[in-house]
Amino acid sequence: RGYTGIKVYDRLAEPPDPDDPTAWSDTARFYLIGLGGRGQKALKALGVWDDVARYATPVQGRKDWAPGAGPDESTERLA
């Protein structure tokens, strides 16, 4: 759009390389995000789904916990 001289500053360090298994193998350390059909469709429309899908793992179903529920008080839903 003709903008020039733009500088972007970020106070956070650059994230680890997505291909580095030592940085990303501890799944208990990260909040896992599910991408449903609408999200996948939006990412496809933006032309970035293939980049995201490369690091995604297919999952069938989900587990939900009500507010205040204990670790053994989940509801499992299968797709």
C-alpha atoms as a PDB file:
ATOM      1  CA  ARG A   1       0.000   0.000   0.000  1.00  0.00           C
ATOM      2  CA  GLY A   2       2.976   2.243  -0.325  1.00  0.00           C
ATOM      3  CA  TYR A   3       4.027   2.411   3.342  1.00  0.00           C
ATOM      4  CA  THR A   4       7.773   2.678   3.881  1.00  0.00           C
ATOM      5  CA  GLY A   5      10.098   3.003   6.851  1.00  0.00           C
ATOM      6  CA  ILE A   6       7.925   0.887   9.175  1.00  0.00           C
ATOM      7  CA  LYS A   7       9.712  -0.668  12.148  1.00  0.00           C
ATOM      8  CA  VAL A   8       8.168  -3.335  14.370  1.00  0.00           C
ATOM      9  CA  TYR A   9       9.405  -3.779  17.939  1.00  0.00           C
ATOM     10  CA  ASP A  10       8.547  -6.676  20.227  1.00  0.00           C
ATOM     11  CA  ARG A  11       9.591  -6.983  23.863  1.00  0.00           C
ATOM     12  CA  LEU A  12       9.359 -10.781  23.745  1.00  0.00           C
ATOM     13  CA  ALA A  13      12.103 -13.034  22.488  1.00  0.00           C
ATOM     14  CA  GLU A  14      11.588 -14.809  19.174  1.00  0.00           C
ATOM     15  CA  PRO A  15       9.732 -18.106  19.710  1.00  0.00           C
ATOM     16  CA  PRO A  16      11.600 -21.385  19.187  1.00  0.00           C
ATOM     17  CA  ASP A  17      11.715 -22.947  15.740  1.00  0.00           C
ATOM     18  CA  PRO A  18       8.494 -24.957  15.190  1.00  0.00           C
ATOM     19  CA  ASP A  19      10.601 -27.874  13.940  1.00  0.00           C
ATOM     20  CA  ASP A  20      12.593 -28.094  17.200  1.00  0.00           C
ATOM     21  CA  PRO A  21      11.219 -31.148  19.092  1.00  0.00           C
ATOM     22  CA  THR A  22      13.126 -30.251  22.268  1.00  0.00           C
ATOM     23  CA  ALA A  23      11.165 -27.000  22.508  1.00  0.00           C
ATOM     24  CA  TRP A  24       7.698 -28.374  21.722  1.00  0.00           C
ATOM     25  CA  SER A  25       7.569 -31.996  22.917  1.00  0.00           C
ATOM     26  CA  ASP A  26       6.262 -31.272  26.444  1.00  0.00           C
ATOM     27  CA  THR A  27       2.523 -30.975  25.709  1.00  0.00           C
ATOM     28  CA  ALA A  28       1.697 -30.388  29.385  1.00  0.00           C
ATOM     29  CA  ARG A  29       3.525 -27.082  29.087  1.00  0.00           C
ATOM     30  CA  PHE A  30       1.359 -25.640  26.318  1.00  0.00           C
ATOM     31  CA  TYR A  31      -2.275 -24.731  25.836  1.00  0.00           C
ATOM     32  CA  LEU A  32      -3.442 -26.882  22.951  1.00  0.00           C
ATOM     33  CA  ILE A  33      -5.832 -25.218  20.527  1.00  0.00           C
ATOM     34  CA  GLY A  34      -8.447 -27.043  18.494  1.00  0.00           C
ATOM     35  CA  LEU A  35      -9.288 -25.730  15.045  1.00  0.00           C
ATOM     36  CA  GLY A  36     -12.769 -26.679  13.922  1.00  0.00           C
ATOM     37  CA  GLY A  37     -14.164 -26.588  10.419  1.00  0.00           C
ATOM     38  CA  ARG A  38     -14.817 -22.822  10.415  1.00  0.00           C
ATOM     39  CA  GLY A  39     -11.280 -22.048  11.560  1.00  0.00           C
ATOM     40  CA  GLN A  40      -9.786 -24.388   8.990  1.00  0.00           C
ATOM     41  CA  LYS A  41     -11.926 -22.818   6.261  1.00  0.00           C
ATOM     42  CA  ALA A  42     -10.793 -19.319   7.278  1.00  0.00           C
ATOM     43  CA  LEU A  43      -7.134 -20.356   7.282  1.00  0.00           C
ATOM     44  CA  LYS A  44      -7.587 -21.933   3.838  1.00  0.00           C
ATOM     45  CA  ALA A  45      -9.158 -18.699   2.563  1.00  0.00           C
ATOM     46  CA  LEU A  46      -6.134 -16.791   3.868  1.00  0.00           C
ATOM     47  CA  GLY A  47      -3.814 -19.272   2.158  1.00  0.00           C
ATOM     48  CA  VAL A  48      -2.063 -20.387   5.350  1.00  0.00           C
ATOM     49  CA  TRP A  49      -3.818 -23.657   6.220  1.00  0.00           C
ATOM     50  CA  ASP A  50      -1.069 -25.841   4.714  1.00  0.00           C
ATOM     51  CA  ASP A  51       1.517 -24.104   6.940  1.00  0.00           C
ATOM     52  CA  VAL A  52      -0.642 -24.640  10.047  1.00  0.00           C
ATOM     53  CA  ALA A  53      -1.669 -28.206   9.162  1.00  0.00           C
ATOM     54  CA  ARG A  54       1.996 -29.183   8.941  1.00  0.00           C
ATOM     55  CA  TYR A  55       2.222 -28.831  12.736  1.00  0.00           C
ATOM     56  CA  ALA A  56      -1.296 -30.025  13.592  1.00  0.00           C
ATOM     57  CA  THR A  57      -2.417 -33.411  14.895  1.00  0.00           C
ATOM     58  CA  PRO A  58      -5.884 -34.752  14.043  1.00  0.00           C
ATOM     59  CA  VAL A  59      -8.051 -35.401  17.114  1.00  0.00           C
ATOM     60  CA  GLN A  60     -11.389 -37.217  17.267  1.00  0.00           C
ATOM     61  CA  GLY A  61     -13.702 -35.836  19.947  1.00  0.00           C
ATOM     62  CA  ARG A  62     -12.955 -33.652  22.956  1.00  0.00           C
ATOM     63  CA  LYS A  63     -13.032 -33.512  26.748  1.00  0.00           C
ATOM     64  CA  ASP A  64     -14.710 -30.703  28.659  1.00  0.00           C
ATOM     65  CA  TRP A  65     -14.647 -29.759  32.338  1.00  0.00           C
ATOM     66  CA  ALA A  66     -17.314 -27.662  34.033  1.00  0.00           C
ATOM     67  CA  PRO A  67     -16.074 -24.719  36.110  1.00  0.00           C
ATOM     68  CA  GLY A  68     -14.836 -26.055  39.451  1.00  0.00           C
ATOM     69  CA  ALA A  69     -14.834 -29.694  38.292  1.00  0.00           C
ATOM     70  CA  GLY A  70     -12.029 -31.964  39.426  1.00  0.00           C
ATOM     71  CA  PRO A  71      -9.616 -33.781  37.120  1.00  0.00           C
ATOM     72  CA  ASP A  72     -11.823 -36.902  37.048  1.00  0.00           C
ATOM     73  CA  GLU A  73     -15.086 -35.027  36.429  1.00  0.00           C
ATOM     74  CA  SER A  74     -14.877 -34.498  32.670  1.00  0.00           C
ATOM     75  CA  THR A  75     -17.369 -35.080  29.895  1.00  0.00           C
ATOM     76  CA  GLU A  76     -16.048 -36.845  26.810  1.00  0.00           C
ATOM     77  CA  ARG A  77     -17.575 -36.138  23.425  1.00  0.00           C
ATOM     78  CA  LEU A  78     -16.635 -38.176  20.390  1.00  0.00           C
ATOM     79  CA  ALA A  79     -16.974 -36.748  16.900  1.00  0.00           C
END
